[in-house]
Amino acid sequence: MTNYFRLLVFLKEVKAQLIIRVLLGLLLTVTWLVQAVSTAQAISAVLGRSQGQVQWYIVLIAVCIFVRGVLLYFIEGYAKKMGATLKHTLRQKMLDKLMRLGVAYQNDKRSGNMQSLVTDGVEAFESFLAGYVPQMFIVLLTLIPIVYYLCSVHVVVGIVVLLAVVLSVLLPHITMPFVSKTTVEYWQTYAVLNAQYIDAMQGMNVLKAFNAVRQKRAELAKDSKDFFEDSMRNTTFSLIDSAAIILFMVIGSSVAICVAAWYTYHGEIAPAKLVLMLFLIVECTRPVIELNNLWHGSYLGFSVADEFFEILDTPENNKTQTNNKTQTTKQNALEESPSVEVKALSFRYKKQNAYALQNLTFSVRNAETIAIVGKSGSGKSTIVNLLLNFFQAESGEIFINGRRIQEYTEESLRSRISVVFQDTYLFYGTIRENIAMSQPGASMEEVERAAKLASIHEYIHTLPLGYETVVGERGATLSGGERQRIAIARAILKDAPILILDEATSSVDTDNEAVIQEALDKLSKGRTTIVIAHRLSTVQKANKILVLGEGVLLEEGSHEELLKRKGAYYNLVQAQQRAGVAYE
């Protein structure tokens, strides 16, 4: 609940719109009040047989109705504009933080849950920030003069109305601890259902291949039923709460009217003022009921706010320093041809897990190519994650050109490194956009040159739309090898001084591997290159080969040196040769 009201700080982004929204709301309330007073006066005039005055009151009522229609148009527009601005600010704030938190934070999160929070979750804040908060100002600024007038006519009537209003406004806040549990459950089951659906759609081919559609359908049906039950439970509590508020106002206004009638009967209130008081008491009820509706429209935000601020409050592990000496241009970085040094590096993804790397030490000289090999799970890809500062090492240091990577800004560090990941990811968009992601301002000629070096240009030209072909989500319309070559083209276009190839040819057939390997060999010249490979045939030309086993450096040396030792590397080569993998 405390987190929910922390959202109020974001209203400073829309101060002008908030003020205008409140002023328009007050003007709208004034039209209701003028109409109420005019109606009361018209009734008094009829009772007093003053027909001439009645006509003017009717005209004034008509003007109020017209003005109110105009005001409602502008209020709706301002409310939507204010809400859109706030939601944009909140989403931008959260997405920026998620980007800074990086891979490490999202490893344990389901993408569907995060998607729900970014889209529907942030939507839930609009009713509170753009609706409830302005309406609260309107209620206070409206009811204070009305209650003051009622008290001036008769203090008892004014106090009864004031108590009804105060109880109606405070009741939702009093019952919030009881309601919050159901709202949290409602949001959690919604997020789970959304995550499960995305999971099922993305893995549809696997579900069908293993005849698991029925099982997944049953899981989705259960999640849908849980969401239905929590939705009904949440609605029930909301309706009970809302009914109690309306009951307070109805009882309060009824009692106030009865009290006013009693005092009128005893001559303490003039009949004309009684009529006016009846209409003013009704006008006290109207803004409070609207406030109540906006409050209940904000219920989803009660639980979402906790998750929202959990992200914003998460400390950033990948802290980098702003240092002018390390914020070099790309051209300067290329001239450096930087060295990479790893000293006593130890890391594990979770404290309860085994170490992915233990006391690892190695170095790569300027423009040198080294290869890192080992069985699956030996820690090869973990080195890439640490070099890119996606994760923080438990102990040890990584240096580029003698400087700790933490001394570089993230942009400066990653501008120096070009990577082809083992798990190729293409974004929804065209082939050209995916290749040019590393250099958004690249010309078509530069994109095509990178594609030619990656041996994908000819294939692209066979497509009806060529480079403007949309690849689908995660590059679903392309084969694994085609996706891999586009990723290689993306890395070639970036033209960074440090090149990391994480199983860069793993999804490429044997015929294309030789062509791509030749292109990668040309690309690696003059660059500090780290090759992570499972196919040992791709690493023989490396200046140095590191052999890992369960996160520990087993041996290092050239291809020939390691074969002569007949150690871990020799055993890997023998194993792959027995499996029919060629080396010459």
Foldseek 3Di string as FASTA:
>chain_A
DVLLCVLLVLCVQVVVLLVVLLVLLLLLLVLLLLLLLLVLVLVVCVVVVPVVSNVVSVVSNVVSVVVNVVSVVVSVVSLVVSLVSSLVVLLVLLVVLDVLQFDLVCVPPQPLLVVCLNPVLSNLSSLVNSNQVSLVSSLVVPLVVLLVVVVVLPVVLSVLLVVLLVCLVCLCVVCVVVLLVLLLQLSVLVSVLRSLVVVCVVCVVVCVVVVNPVVSVVVSVVSVVSNVVSVVVSVVVLVVSLVVSLVSLVVSLVVSLVVLVVVVVVVSGPPSVSSSNNSSSVSSSVSSSSSSVSVSSSSNNSNSSVVSVVSVPDDRPLAAADDPVLQDDQVVQLVCLKKKWWAQFWADSDPVDDILAGGDTDIFHRLAEEEEEEDPSLNPVVVVCVQLSSDDTPDTFMDINRHTPSHHDSVSSVLQEFEQAPQQFAAFFFLLCRLCVLPVPDDPVLLLVLLVLLVQQVVLVVDPVRRRDTLPGRSVNDAPQNSLSSSSSSRLSSLHQEYEYAQSCVRPDPVSVVSNLVSVVVSSGSHRYYYYHHQCLSRQPGQKYFYGGSNYTPDMGHPVVVCVVCPPVVVSVVVVVVVPRDRD
